[in-house]
Amino acid sequence: MKKISAVVAMFAVTAFAGASFAAGPESIDLPASMGKVSFPHKKHQELVKQDCKKCHEKAPGKIAELGKDWAHKTCKGCHTEMKKGPVGCKDCHKK
């Protein structure tokens, strides 16, 4: 009986941890080399209805190509396409 309880508890902890990881952080501060940009991750997840591949080409996790060119193409491109969100330099890059 104890083994079954331990297995059930381990499964519950694993499931909860997986759900927490998938949710990701509330906000992400991008590297200083990209200028002071704070990215509201959770807000973007809600906007794209958890379709992580909108930004993460392969799957959730770090974006290997993340840099100025990628962000300007992907982020500004999406904001322009949706007619929503910042597209000006000072809108994203705070001093």
Protein backbone atom coordinates (compact mmCIF):
# COMPACT_ATOMS: atom_id res chain seq x y z
CA MET A 1 0.00 0.00 0.00
CA LYS A 2 2.86 2.38 0.81
CA LYS A 3 4.41 1.72 -2.61
CA ILE A 4 1.18 2.67 -4.37
CA SER A 5 0.92 5.89 -2.33
CA ALA A 6 4.54 6.75 -3.12
CA VAL A 7 3.98 6.15 -6.85
CA VAL A 8 0.83 8.27 -6.85
CA ALA A 9 2.61 11.06 -4.94
CA MET A 10 5.59 10.95 -7.31
CA PHE A 11 3.25 11.11 -10.31
CA ALA A 12 1.41 14.11 -8.84
CA VAL A 13 4.66 15.98 -8.15
CA THR A 14 5.94 15.24 -11.67
CA ALA A 15 2.70 16.39 -13.28
CA PHE A 16 2.67 19.60 -11.22
CA ALA A 17 6.32 20.33 -12.02
CA GLY A 18 5.69 19.77 -15.73
CA ALA A 19 2.74 22.14 -15.72
CA SER A 20 4.76 24.79 -13.90
CA PHE A 21 7.66 24.46 -16.33
CA ALA A 22 5.36 24.72 -19.34
CA ALA A 23 3.81 27.89 -17.99
CA GLY A 24 7.19 29.58 -18.06
CA PRO A 25 8.17 32.74 -16.24
CA GLU A 26 5.92 35.77 -15.84
CA SER A 27 8.45 38.08 -17.50
CA ILE A 28 11.90 37.66 -19.04
CA ASP A 29 14.67 40.26 -19.02
CA LEU A 30 16.57 39.86 -22.27
CA PRO A 31 20.37 40.04 -22.36
CA ALA A 32 21.97 43.47 -21.89
CA SER A 33 23.46 43.16 -25.37
CA MET A 34 19.89 43.52 -26.72
CA GLY A 35 19.25 46.70 -24.76
CA LYS A 36 17.06 46.81 -21.68
CA VAL A 37 14.09 44.79 -22.88
CA SER A 38 11.68 43.15 -20.46
CA PHE A 39 9.54 40.60 -22.28
CA PRO A 40 6.12 39.81 -20.71
CA HIS A 41 6.21 36.06 -21.45
CA LYS A 42 2.94 35.09 -19.78
CA LYS A 43 1.04 37.85 -21.60
CA HIS A 44 2.38 36.63 -24.94
CA GLN A 45 1.44 33.03 -24.12
CA GLU A 46 -2.12 34.15 -23.50
CA LEU A 47 -2.21 36.16 -26.75
CA VAL A 48 -1.04 33.25 -28.92
CA LYS A 49 -3.22 30.82 -26.96
CA GLN A 50 -0.28 28.69 -25.80
CA ASP A 51 0.93 28.11 -29.39
CA CYS A 52 4.59 28.15 -28.34
CA LYS A 53 5.78 27.51 -31.89
CA LYS A 54 4.81 31.06 -32.82
CA CYS A 55 8.12 32.09 -31.21
CA HIS A 56 9.83 28.79 -30.37
CA GLU A 57 10.37 27.15 -33.75
CA LYS A 58 10.93 23.61 -32.45
CA ALA A 59 9.38 23.48 -28.98
CA PRO A 60 9.30 25.40 -25.70
CA GLY A 61 12.73 26.25 -24.36
CA LYS A 62 15.48 28.72 -25.08
CA ILE A 63 15.46 30.34 -28.50
CA ALA A 64 18.86 29.54 -30.02
CA GLU A 65 18.68 32.31 -32.63
CA LEU A 66 17.59 34.97 -30.12
CA GLY A 67 19.35 38.20 -30.96
CA LYS A 68 18.69 41.62 -32.46
CA ASP A 69 17.94 40.41 -35.98
CA TRP A 70 15.70 37.57 -34.82
CA ALA A 71 13.79 39.77 -32.37
CA HIS A 72 13.28 42.58 -34.84
CA LYS A 73 12.05 40.16 -37.51
CA THR A 74 9.92 37.96 -35.25
CA CYS A 75 8.66 40.36 -32.59
CA LYS A 76 8.21 43.49 -34.68
CA GLY A 77 6.89 41.37 -37.53
CA CYS A 78 4.20 39.84 -35.37
CA HIS A 79 3.30 43.19 -33.79
CA THR A 80 3.00 44.77 -37.23
CA GLU A 81 0.96 41.85 -38.58
CA MET A 82 -1.42 41.87 -35.61
CA LYS A 83 -1.51 45.68 -35.50
CA LYS A 84 -0.92 45.33 -31.79
CA GLY A 85 2.13 45.81 -29.61
CA PRO A 86 5.20 48.02 -29.71
CA VAL A 87 7.19 48.53 -32.90
CA GLY A 88 9.22 51.64 -32.03
CA CYS A 89 12.72 51.41 -30.55
CA LYS A 90 11.86 53.19 -27.29
CA ASP A 91 8.70 51.12 -26.87
CA CYS A 92 10.78 48.00 -26.16
CA HIS A 93 14.25 49.30 -25.27
CA LYS A 94 13.98 51.15 -21.94
CA LYS A 95 16.83 53.24 -20.62
